[in-house]
C-alpha atoms as a PDB file:
ATOM      1  CA  UNK A   1      35.553  26.333  -4.635  1.00  0.00           C
ATOM      2  CA  UNK A   2      34.074  22.919  -3.742  1.00  0.00           C
ATOM      3  CA  UNK A   3      31.325  24.190  -1.733  1.00  0.00           C
ATOM      4  CA  UNK A   4      30.023  26.610  -4.415  1.00  0.00           C
ATOM      5  CA  UNK A   5      29.564  22.962  -6.631  1.00  0.00           C
ATOM      6  CA  UNK A   6      27.678  21.543  -4.120  1.00  0.00           C
ATOM      7  CA  UNK A   7      25.558  24.639  -3.707  1.00  0.00           C
ATOM      8  CA  UNK A   8      24.998  24.502  -7.121  1.00  0.00           C
ATOM      9  CA  UNK A   9      24.519  20.970  -7.935  1.00  0.00           C
ATOM     10  CA  UNK A  10      21.366  20.741  -4.325  1.00  0.00           C
ATOM     11  CA  UNK A  11      19.884  23.875  -5.888  1.00  0.00           C
ATOM     12  CA  UNK A  12      19.190  22.356  -9.765  1.00  0.00           C
ATOM     13  CA  UNK A  13      18.258  19.074  -7.858  1.00  0.00           C
ATOM     14  CA  UNK A  14      16.425  20.527  -5.137  1.00  0.00           C
ATOM     15  CA  UNK A  15      13.023  19.354  -6.305  1.00  0.00           C
ATOM     16  CA  UNK A  16      14.433  16.248  -6.246  1.00  0.00           C
ATOM     17  CA  UNK A  17      15.274  15.909  -3.061  1.00  0.00           C
ATOM     18  CA  UNK A  18      12.449  17.303  -0.993  1.00  0.00           C
ATOM     19  CA  UNK A  19       8.185  15.803  -1.073  1.00  0.00           C
ATOM     20  CA  UNK A  20       5.945  17.969  -2.917  1.00  0.00           C
ATOM     21  CA  UNK A  21       2.783  18.110  -2.274  1.00  0.00           C
ATOM     22  CA  UNK A  22       2.231  17.084  -5.403  1.00  0.00           C
ATOM     23  CA  UNK A  23       3.672  13.830  -4.782  1.00  0.00           C
ATOM     24  CA  UNK A  24       1.158  13.513  -1.552  1.00  0.00           C
ATOM     25  CA  UNK A  25      -1.886  14.267  -3.920  1.00  0.00           C
ATOM     26  CA  UNK A  26      -0.789  11.579  -6.425  1.00  0.00           C
ATOM     27  CA  UNK A  27      -0.230   8.336  -3.387  1.00  0.00           C
ATOM     28  CA  UNK A  28      -1.297   5.120  -3.863  1.00  0.00           C
ATOM     29  CA  UNK A  29      -2.802   2.898  -2.477  1.00  0.00           C
ATOM     30  CA  UNK A  30      -0.483  -0.618  -1.582  1.00  0.00           C
ATOM     31  CA  UNK A  31      -1.613  -3.458   1.046  1.00  0.00           C
ATOM     32  CA  UNK A  32       1.652  -5.263   2.998  1.00  0.00           C
ATOM     33  CA  UNK A  33      -0.140  -9.099   4.050  1.00  0.00           C
ATOM     34  CA  UNK A  34       3.132 -11.025   6.332  1.00  0.00           C
ATOM     35  CA  UNK A  35       2.334 -14.394   7.597  1.00  0.00           C
ATOM     36  CA  UNK A  36       4.127 -14.946  10.913  1.00  0.00           C
ATOM     37  CA  UNK A  37       3.705 -17.134  14.094  1.00  0.00           C
ATOM     38  CA  UNK A  38       1.251 -15.624  15.967  1.00  0.00           C
ATOM     39  CA  UNK A  39       2.952 -15.400  19.646  1.00  0.00           C
ATOM     40  CA  UNK A  40       4.869 -13.002  17.498  1.00  0.00           C
ATOM     41  CA  UNK A  41       2.351 -10.806  16.121  1.00  0.00           C
ATOM     42  CA  UNK A  42       2.915  -8.132  18.529  1.00  0.00           C
ATOM     43  CA  UNK A  43       6.884  -7.973  18.007  1.00  0.00           C
ATOM     44  CA  UNK A  44       6.177  -7.543  14.586  1.00  0.00           C
ATOM     45  CA  UNK A  45       3.531  -4.839  14.719  1.00  0.00           C
ATOM     46  CA  UNK A  46       5.081  -2.478  17.007  1.00  0.00           C
ATOM     47  CA  UNK A  47       8.299  -2.963  14.335  1.00  0.00           C
ATOM     48  CA  UNK A  48       5.230  -1.991  11.376  1.00  0.00           C
ATOM     49  CA  UNK A  49       4.536   1.019  13.500  1.00  0.00           C
ATOM     50  CA  UNK A  50       8.334   2.545  13.743  1.00  0.00           C
ATOM     51  CA  UNK A  51       8.993   1.813   9.888  1.00  0.00           C
ATOM     52  CA  UNK A  52       5.398   2.997   9.120  1.00  0.00           C
ATOM     53  CA  UNK A  53       5.261   6.057  10.889  1.00  0.00           C
ATOM     54  CA  UNK A  54       5.885   8.414   7.900  1.00  0.00           C
ATOM     55  CA  UNK A  55       3.374   6.804   6.044  1.00  0.00           C
ATOM     56  CA  UNK A  56      -0.306   7.077   5.205  1.00  0.00           C
ATOM     57  CA  UNK A  57      -1.792   4.139   7.122  1.00  0.00           C
ATOM     58  CA  UNK A  58      -5.737   3.292   6.080  1.00  0.00           C
ATOM     59  CA  UNK A  59      -5.964  -0.220   7.614  1.00  0.00           C
ATOM     60  CA  UNK A  60      -4.745  -2.861   9.690  1.00  0.00           C
ATOM     61  CA  UNK A  61      -5.737  -6.055  10.386  1.00  0.00           C
ATOM     62  CA  UNK A  62      -4.829  -9.602  11.424  1.00  0.00           C
ATOM     63  CA  UNK A  63      -6.364 -12.467  10.791  1.00  0.00           C
ATOM     64  CA  UNK A  64      -5.295 -16.266  11.424  1.00  0.00           C
ATOM     65  CA  UNK A  65      -4.005 -17.922   8.308  1.00  0.00           C
ATOM     66  CA  UNK A  66      -4.397 -21.598   7.079  1.00  0.00           C
ATOM     67  CA  UNK A  67      -2.090 -23.200   9.700  1.00  0.00           C
ATOM     68  CA  UNK A  68      -3.645 -22.949  13.213  1.00  0.00           C
ATOM     69  CA  UNK A  69      -0.148 -21.518  14.368  1.00  0.00           C
ATOM     70  CA  UNK A  70      -0.133 -18.231  11.811  1.00  0.00           C
ATOM     71  CA  UNK A  71      -1.788 -15.388  11.875  1.00  0.00           C
ATOM     72  CA  UNK A  72      -2.076 -12.338   8.339  1.00  0.00           C
ATOM     73  CA  UNK A  73      -0.948  -9.367   9.433  1.00  0.00           C
ATOM     74  CA  UNK A  74      -2.074  -7.085   6.663  1.00  0.00           C
ATOM     75  CA  UNK A  75      -1.503  -2.989   6.137  1.00  0.00           C
ATOM     76  CA  UNK A  76      -3.202  -0.585   3.794  1.00  0.00           C
ATOM     77  CA  UNK A  77      -0.785   2.059   3.174  1.00  0.00           C
ATOM     78  CA  UNK A  78      -1.003   5.137   0.630  1.00  0.00           C
ATOM     79  CA  UNK A  79       2.470   6.431  -1.130  1.00  0.00           C
ATOM     80  CA  UNK A  80       3.640   7.831  -3.931  1.00  0.00           C
ATOM     81  CA  UNK A  81       6.015   6.443  -6.371  1.00  0.00           C
ATOM     82  CA  UNK A  82       9.028   8.614  -4.221  1.00  0.00           C
ATOM     83  CA  UNK A  83       8.482   6.825  -0.751  1.00  0.00           C
ATOM     84  CA  UNK A  84       7.872   3.136  -2.628  1.00  0.00           C
ATOM     85  CA  UNK A  85      11.388   2.668  -1.741  1.00  0.00           C
ATOM     86  CA  UNK A  86      10.702   2.844   2.134  1.00  0.00           C
ATOM     87  CA  UNK A  87       8.328   0.058   0.781  1.00  0.00           C
ATOM     88  CA  UNK A  88      11.197  -1.738  -0.414  1.00  0.00           C
ATOM     89  CA  UNK A  89      12.616  -1.442   2.747  1.00  0.00           C
ATOM     90  CA  UNK A  90      10.480  -2.454   4.861  1.00  0.00           C
ATOM     91  CA  UNK A  91       8.963  -5.707   3.119  1.00  0.00           C
ATOM     92  CA  UNK A  92      13.335  -6.808   3.085  1.00  0.00           C
ATOM     93  CA  UNK A  93      13.003  -5.586   7.011  1.00  0.00           C
ATOM     94  CA  UNK A  94      10.431  -8.424   7.594  1.00  0.00           C
ATOM     95  CA  UNK A  95      11.746 -10.609   5.535  1.00  0.00           C
ATOM     96  CA  UNK A  96      14.689 -10.730   7.842  1.00  0.00           C
ATOM     97  CA  UNK A  97      12.789 -11.554  11.001  1.00  0.00           C
ATOM     98  CA  UNK A  98      12.869 -14.931  12.706  1.00  0.00           C
ATOM     99  CA  UNK A  99       8.987 -15.604  12.487  1.00  0.00           C
ATOM    100  CA  UNK A 100       8.308 -14.202   9.417  1.00  0.00           C
ATOM    101  CA  UNK A 101       6.683 -17.009   7.152  1.00  0.00           C
ATOM    102  CA  UNK A 102       6.578 -15.057   4.139  1.00  0.00           C
ATOM    103  CA  UNK A 103       5.909 -11.321   3.163  1.00  0.00           C
ATOM    104  CA  UNK A 104       3.762  -9.783  -0.088  1.00  0.00           C
ATOM    105  CA  UNK A 105       2.708  -6.231  -1.371  1.00  0.00           C
ATOM    106  CA  UNK A 106       0.656  -5.100  -3.663  1.00  0.00           C
ATOM    107  CA  UNK A 107      -0.733  -2.354  -5.326  1.00  0.00           C
ATOM    108  CA  UNK A 108      -4.696  -2.093  -4.854  1.00  0.00           C
ATOM    109  CA  UNK A 109      -6.161  -0.986  -7.949  1.00  0.00           C
ATOM    110  CA  UNK A 110      -8.111   2.131  -8.583  1.00  0.00           C
ATOM    111  CA  UNK A 111     -11.194   2.049  -9.223  1.00  0.00           C
ATOM    112  CA  UNK A 112     -12.391   3.268 -11.794  1.00  0.00           C
ATOM    113  CA  UNK A 113     -16.344   5.512 -12.581  1.00  0.00           C
ATOM    114  CA  UNK A 114     -16.812   3.073 -15.159  1.00  0.00           C
ATOM    115  CA  UNK A 115     -16.316   0.096 -12.691  1.00  0.00           C
ATOM    116  CA  UNK A 116     -18.503   2.075 -10.256  1.00  0.00           C
ATOM    117  CA  UNK A 117     -21.361   1.441 -12.420  1.00  0.00           C
ATOM    118  CA  UNK A 118     -23.690  -1.158 -12.196  1.00  0.00           C
ATOM    119  CA  UNK A 119     -23.589  -3.792 -13.912  1.00  0.00           C
ATOM    120  CA  UNK A 120     -26.912  -3.630 -14.579  1.00  0.00           C
ATOM    121  CA  UNK A 121     -29.168  -0.861 -16.037  1.00  0.00           C
ATOM    122  CA  UNK A 122     -32.692  -1.190 -16.155  1.00  0.00           C
ATOM    123  CA  UNK A 123     -33.157   0.874 -19.406  1.00  0.00           C
ATOM    124  CA  UNK A 124     -36.488   4.079 -18.842  1.00  0.00           C
ATOM    125  CA  UNK A 125     -37.196   4.375 -22.856  1.00  0.00           C
ATOM    126  CA  UNK A 126     -39.235   1.510 -23.292  1.00  0.00           C
ATOM    127  CA  UNK A 127     -40.771   0.160 -20.109  1.00  0.00           C
ATOM    128  CA  UNK A 128     -39.750  -2.570 -17.982  1.00  0.00           C
ATOM    129  CA  UNK A 129     -36.688  -4.620 -19.625  1.00  0.00           C
ATOM    130  CA  UNK A 130     -37.668  -8.275 -21.079  1.00  0.00           C
ATOM    131  CA  UNK A 131     -36.338 -11.388 -20.069  1.00  0.00           C
ATOM    132  CA  UNK A 132     -35.260 -13.648 -23.246  1.00  0.00           C
ATOM    133  CA  UNK A 133     -35.719 -17.683 -22.259  1.00  0.00           C
ATOM    134  CA  UNK A 134     -32.722 -19.537 -22.874  1.00  0.00           C
END
């Protein structure tokens, strides 16, 4: 009897346990910035590779931080809303490392069609645009 109930439950909620193609199509970009000791960059990069193996990593870079002995590791990832819990676990795991000084993650705003337009478009109706003195 308990097996029948479990089977019915999983059959009813199957869509919530499997990632659908819609989730991958609605992936949102996130940026994770980890500041750590420069001597530990290789160790943290390996850890991040393991933890981000199932994600679509779109960018990764290292650059010196404000202090000379620190490095900022930046990773940009695309993931669905359902996969976002894994990013929370990643940030929590990175924060537990001794050499990490700070970890932050943020969503990257997507550019809209309106923002992609140039700020100034010359008018084609009345000839050349005129500039008024201040």
